[in-house]
Amino acid sequence: MKNNSMKILIVIPARGGSKGIPLKNLKRINGSTLTSLAIRVAKELPFDKTILVSTDHQRIKEEAIANGAEVPFLRPESLSGDSISDYDVLIHSLLESENFFKTKYEIIVMLQPTSPLRRLMNITDCIDKLISDDLDAVWTVSPCDLKYHPKKQLYLNNSNLELVDPSGKDIIARQQLSSTFVRNGVCYAFSRNCLLNDKTIYGKKTGAIIIENENISIDTVEDLEKVRSLSEV
């Protein structure tokens, strides 16, 4: 990849089903739905792009179109369950979009509506890094507190408390631990080759954009209320 003039497909996955919060992707923050917030920031991107909402739900489709996104097809039921991977949704979106729009997309970006605290620069940084470093994928991540480092984590094995990583028994100070990160759902960027040929969202060369400010991936009502309170500040 050589420049940022390539066609970009922005995929916003927004299925209707959610066990924790029914129709979660239509919940509102300061009057705007999670789906519309993702569309809004995508529209600000200074790239040649198509903004696609991948959904299986008519109300979400209507919300997406009303906010300027494309929904030329609904996601099939086979791709709408809790156990469907991000890869399955992305490859379906890419192939169907290329067929519908008669366009070849070199970069695919995924913006999950459940991470509404994202900033425009989080997305542009991902795309710029993917291009400049010639990577297969770039994920946004958040640093983890060292208190929860894998070498300090425990599990119960038939009621016996054991270390997840046996080498953790040698850890006596936090200075012995390397930083770890968790993906936060703010942005993922992929090369076309990563999805089509390598068939993965974690390519051989995957980079990261570390986001230090607070980001919340909404899974529960409590998460939703916390985001609402932060958005009011």
Protein backbone atom coordinates (compact mmCIF):
# COMPACT_ATOMS: atom_id res chain seq x y z
CA MET A 1 0.00 0.00 0.00
CA LYS A 2 1.42 3.33 -1.03
CA ASN A 3 -1.05 6.13 -0.31
CA ASN A 4 -4.36 7.07 1.23
CA SER A 5 -6.20 7.48 -2.07
CA MET A 6 -7.31 3.85 -2.02
CA LYS A 7 -10.98 2.97 -1.76
CA ILE A 8 -11.94 2.22 1.82
CA LEU A 9 -14.91 0.18 3.01
CA ILE A 10 -16.10 1.23 6.48
CA VAL A 11 -18.07 -1.62 8.06
CA ILE A 12 -20.29 -0.84 11.04
CA PRO A 13 -21.60 -4.15 12.41
CA ALA A 14 -24.97 -3.59 14.09
CA ARG A 15 -27.06 -6.70 14.48
CA GLY A 16 -30.43 -6.53 16.19
CA GLY A 17 -29.95 -9.31 18.71
CA SER A 18 -28.33 -8.71 22.07
CA LYS A 19 -28.94 -10.65 25.26
CA GLY A 20 -27.57 -8.00 27.61
CA ILE A 21 -29.37 -4.97 26.14
CA PRO A 22 -32.20 -5.60 23.63
CA LEU A 23 -31.62 -3.64 20.40
CA LYS A 24 -28.44 -2.28 21.94
CA ASN A 25 -27.29 -0.59 18.73
CA LEU A 26 -30.35 1.69 18.82
CA LYS A 27 -29.75 2.90 22.37
CA ARG A 28 -29.05 6.62 22.63
CA ILE A 29 -26.21 8.76 23.94
CA ASN A 30 -27.12 12.46 24.15
CA GLY A 31 -30.03 11.85 21.80
CA SER A 32 -28.08 9.93 19.14
CA THR A 33 -28.15 6.16 18.67
CA LEU A 34 -24.96 4.14 18.92
CA THR A 35 -25.34 3.30 15.23
CA SER A 36 -25.69 6.94 14.18
CA LEU A 37 -22.67 7.97 16.30
CA ALA A 38 -20.47 5.46 14.47
CA ILE A 39 -21.79 6.68 11.11
CA ARG A 40 -21.24 10.31 12.07
CA VAL A 41 -17.54 9.90 12.82
CA ALA A 42 -17.05 7.72 9.73
CA LYS A 43 -18.49 10.49 7.53
CA GLU A 44 -15.77 12.85 8.81
CA LEU A 45 -12.94 10.66 7.49
CA PRO A 46 -10.93 12.42 4.75
CA PHE A 47 -10.76 9.33 2.53
CA ASP A 48 -12.55 7.93 -0.51
CA LYS A 49 -14.93 5.64 1.36
CA THR A 50 -18.16 3.69 1.45
CA ILE A 51 -19.90 3.53 4.83
CA LEU A 52 -21.75 0.23 5.17
CA VAL A 53 -23.91 -0.87 8.09
CA SER A 54 -24.08 -4.65 8.36
CA THR A 55 -27.35 -5.50 10.08
CA ASP A 56 -30.08 -8.09 10.20
CA HIS A 57 -32.72 -5.73 11.59
CA GLN A 58 -35.10 -3.47 9.68
CA ARG A 59 -35.17 -0.69 12.29
CA ILE A 60 -31.38 -0.51 12.36
CA LYS A 61 -31.35 -0.45 8.56
CA GLU A 62 -33.75 2.51 8.57
CA GLU A 63 -31.66 4.31 11.19
CA ALA A 64 -28.48 3.75 9.19
CA ILE A 65 -29.97 5.03 5.93
CA ALA A 66 -31.48 8.06 7.68
CA ASN A 67 -27.98 8.96 8.88
CA GLY A 68 -26.32 8.61 5.50
CA ALA A 69 -24.93 5.06 5.52
CA GLU A 70 -25.39 2.36 2.90
CA VAL A 71 -27.44 -0.77 3.64
CA PRO A 72 -27.91 -2.42 0.24
CA PHE A 73 -28.36 -5.87 1.77
CA LEU A 74 -29.34 -7.36 5.12
CA ARG A 75 -27.06 -9.73 6.97
CA PRO A 76 -28.34 -13.33 6.65
CA GLU A 77 -29.63 -15.13 9.73
CA SER A 78 -26.63 -17.48 9.58
CA LEU A 79 -24.38 -14.51 10.40
CA SER A 80 -26.52 -13.00 13.14
CA GLY A 81 -25.93 -15.19 16.18
CA ASP A 82 -23.84 -14.61 19.30
CA SER A 83 -21.11 -17.00 18.14
CA ILE A 84 -20.47 -15.37 14.74
CA SER A 85 -16.94 -14.03 14.40
CA ASP A 86 -15.92 -10.56 13.30
CA TYR A 87 -14.15 -12.18 10.36
CA ASP A 88 -17.35 -13.83 9.09
CA VAL A 89 -19.19 -10.51 9.19
CA LEU A 90 -16.34 -8.62 7.52
CA ILE A 91 -15.76 -11.03 4.66
CA HIS A 92 -19.49 -11.14 3.94
CA SER A 93 -19.63 -7.34 3.97
CA LEU A 94 -16.59 -7.03 1.71
CA LEU A 95 -17.70 -9.55 -0.92
CA GLU A 96 -21.29 -8.34 -1.03
CA SER A 97 -20.23 -4.69 -1.19
CA GLU A 98 -17.74 -5.26 -3.98
CA ASN A 99 -20.42 -7.07 -5.94
CA PHE A 100 -23.09 -4.43 -5.29
CA PHE A 101 -20.97 -1.29 -5.72
CA LYS A 102 -18.75 -2.76 -8.47
CA THR A 103 -15.74 -1.49 -6.54
CA LYS A 104 -12.53 -3.09 -5.28
CA TYR A 105 -11.75 -2.04 -1.71
CA GLU A 106 -8.09 -2.13 -0.67
CA ILE A 107 -8.71 -1.19 2.97
CA ILE A 108 -11.50 -2.37 5.24
CA VAL A 109 -12.22 -0.59 8.52
CA MET A 110 -14.50 -1.90 11.25
CA LEU A 111 -16.14 0.49 13.73
CA GLN A 112 -18.18 -1.23 16.42
CA PRO A 113 -21.12 0.97 17.54
CA THR A 114 -20.66 -0.25 21.11
CA SER A 115 -17.48 1.86 21.47
CA PRO A 116 -19.00 5.34 21.09
CA LEU A 117 -16.23 7.28 22.84
CA ARG A 118 -13.97 6.96 19.78
CA ARG A 119 -12.39 10.02 18.24
CA LEU A 120 -11.76 10.76 14.58
CA MET A 121 -7.99 10.63 15.10
CA ASN A 122 -8.27 7.06 16.44
CA ILE A 123 -9.53 5.96 13.02
CA THR A 124 -7.19 8.06 10.90
CA ASP A 125 -4.22 6.87 12.97
CA CYS A 126 -5.18 3.24 12.27
CA ILE A 127 -5.52 3.80 8.54
CA ASP A 128 -2.33 5.87 8.32
CA LYS A 129 -0.34 3.21 10.21
CA LEU A 130 -1.73 0.40 8.05
CA ILE A 131 -0.57 2.24 4.94
CA SER A 132 2.73 3.75 6.11
CA ASP A 133 4.00 0.56 7.78
CA ASP A 134 2.60 -1.75 5.08
CA LEU A 135 0.77 -3.87 7.65
CA ASP A 136 -1.90 -6.54 7.34
CA ALA A 137 -4.00 -5.14 10.18
CA VAL A 138 -4.05 -2.46 12.85
CA TRP A 139 -6.14 -2.65 16.02
CA THR A 140 -6.83 0.01 18.63
CA VAL A 141 -6.00 -1.24 22.11
CA SER A 142 -6.14 0.01 25.68
CA PRO A 143 -3.44 -0.66 28.29
CA CYS A 144 -4.31 -3.11 31.08
CA ASP A 145 -3.65 -2.47 34.73
CA LEU A 146 -0.68 -4.61 35.76
CA LYS A 147 -2.76 -5.91 38.69
CA TYR A 148 -4.59 -8.00 36.09
CA HIS A 149 -1.52 -9.18 34.19
CA PRO A 150 -1.85 -12.78 32.86
CA LYS A 151 1.03 -13.89 35.11
CA LYS A 152 -0.93 -12.74 38.16
CA GLN A 153 -4.25 -14.31 37.18
CA LEU A 154 -5.65 -17.42 38.86
CA TYR A 155 -8.26 -20.05 38.13
CA LEU A 156 -9.91 -22.88 39.99
CA ASN A 157 -8.98 -26.41 38.91
CA ASN A 158 -11.31 -28.80 40.74
CA SER A 159 -11.44 -26.33 43.65
CA ASN A 160 -7.64 -25.99 43.65
CA LEU A 161 -6.38 -22.45 43.07
CA GLU A 162 -3.76 -22.36 40.30
CA LEU A 163 -1.88 -19.77 38.27
CA VAL A 164 -2.99 -19.30 34.67
CA ASP A 165 0.71 -18.97 33.77
CA PRO A 166 2.93 -21.14 36.03
CA SER A 167 5.84 -18.72 35.55
CA GLY A 168 3.81 -16.23 37.59
CA LYS A 169 5.18 -17.83 40.75
CA ASP A 170 8.45 -15.97 40.11
CA ILE A 171 6.79 -12.53 39.98
CA ILE A 172 7.45 -10.56 43.15
CA ALA A 173 7.32 -6.98 41.80
CA ARG A 174 5.33 -5.21 39.09
CA GLN A 175 8.61 -4.09 37.52
CA GLN A 176 9.06 -7.67 36.31
CA LEU A 177 5.94 -7.44 34.18
CA SER A 178 5.69 -6.15 30.61
CA SER A 179 2.72 -4.03 29.59
CA THR A 180 -0.27 -5.86 28.18
CA PHE A 181 -3.22 -4.54 26.21
CA VAL A 182 -6.83 -5.36 25.42
CA ARG A 183 -8.62 -4.55 22.18
CA ASN A 184 -11.26 -1.91 22.77
CA GLY A 185 -13.47 -2.05 19.67
CA VAL A 186 -12.78 1.57 18.73
CA CYS A 187 -11.27 0.76 15.32
CA TYR A 188 -9.79 -2.06 13.29
CA ALA A 189 -8.20 -1.58 9.88
CA PHE A 190 -7.32 -4.40 7.48
CA SER A 191 -5.75 -4.85 4.10
CA ARG A 192 -7.88 -6.59 1.50
CA ASN A 193 -5.30 -9.38 1.34
CA CYS A 194 -5.55 -9.99 5.09
CA LEU A 195 -9.27 -10.78 4.87
CA LEU A 196 -9.47 -12.40 1.45
CA ASN A 197 -6.26 -14.42 1.29
CA ASP A 198 -5.03 -14.83 4.87
CA LYS A 199 -8.65 -15.23 6.04
CA THR A 200 -8.09 -13.60 9.41
CA ILE A 201 -8.44 -10.30 11.26
CA TYR A 202 -5.07 -10.91 12.92
CA GLY A 203 -2.54 -10.80 10.12
CA LYS A 204 1.11 -11.80 10.07
CA LYS A 205 1.96 -8.13 10.53
CA THR A 206 -0.54 -6.57 12.92
CA GLY A 207 0.14 -3.19 14.48
CA ALA A 208 -1.53 -1.30 17.28
CA ILE A 209 -2.74 2.18 18.09
CA ILE A 210 -2.65 2.57 21.88
CA ILE A 211 -5.48 4.71 23.26
CA GLU A 212 -4.77 6.14 26.67
CA ASN A 213 -8.06 7.98 27.25
CA GLU A 214 -10.98 6.06 28.71
CA ASN A 215 -12.93 3.89 26.32
CA ILE A 216 -15.87 1.70 27.24
CA SER A 217 -17.17 -1.18 25.15
CA ILE A 218 -20.87 -1.36 25.99
CA ASP A 219 -22.01 -4.83 27.06
CA THR A 220 -24.30 -4.06 29.98
CA VAL A 221 -26.80 -1.43 31.10
CA GLU A 222 -24.17 -0.25 33.58
CA ASP A 223 -21.70 0.32 30.72
CA LEU A 224 -24.33 2.30 28.84
CA GLU A 225 -25.08 4.51 31.82
CA LYS A 226 -21.38 5.14 32.43
CA VAL A 227 -20.87 6.24 28.83
CA ARG A 228 -23.91 8.52 29.12
CA SER A 229 -22.46 10.13 32.25
CA LEU A 230 -19.05 10.63 30.61
CA SER A 231 -20.68 12.13 27.52
CA GLU A 232 -22.47 14.73 29.63
CA VAL A 233 -19.24 16.09 31.08
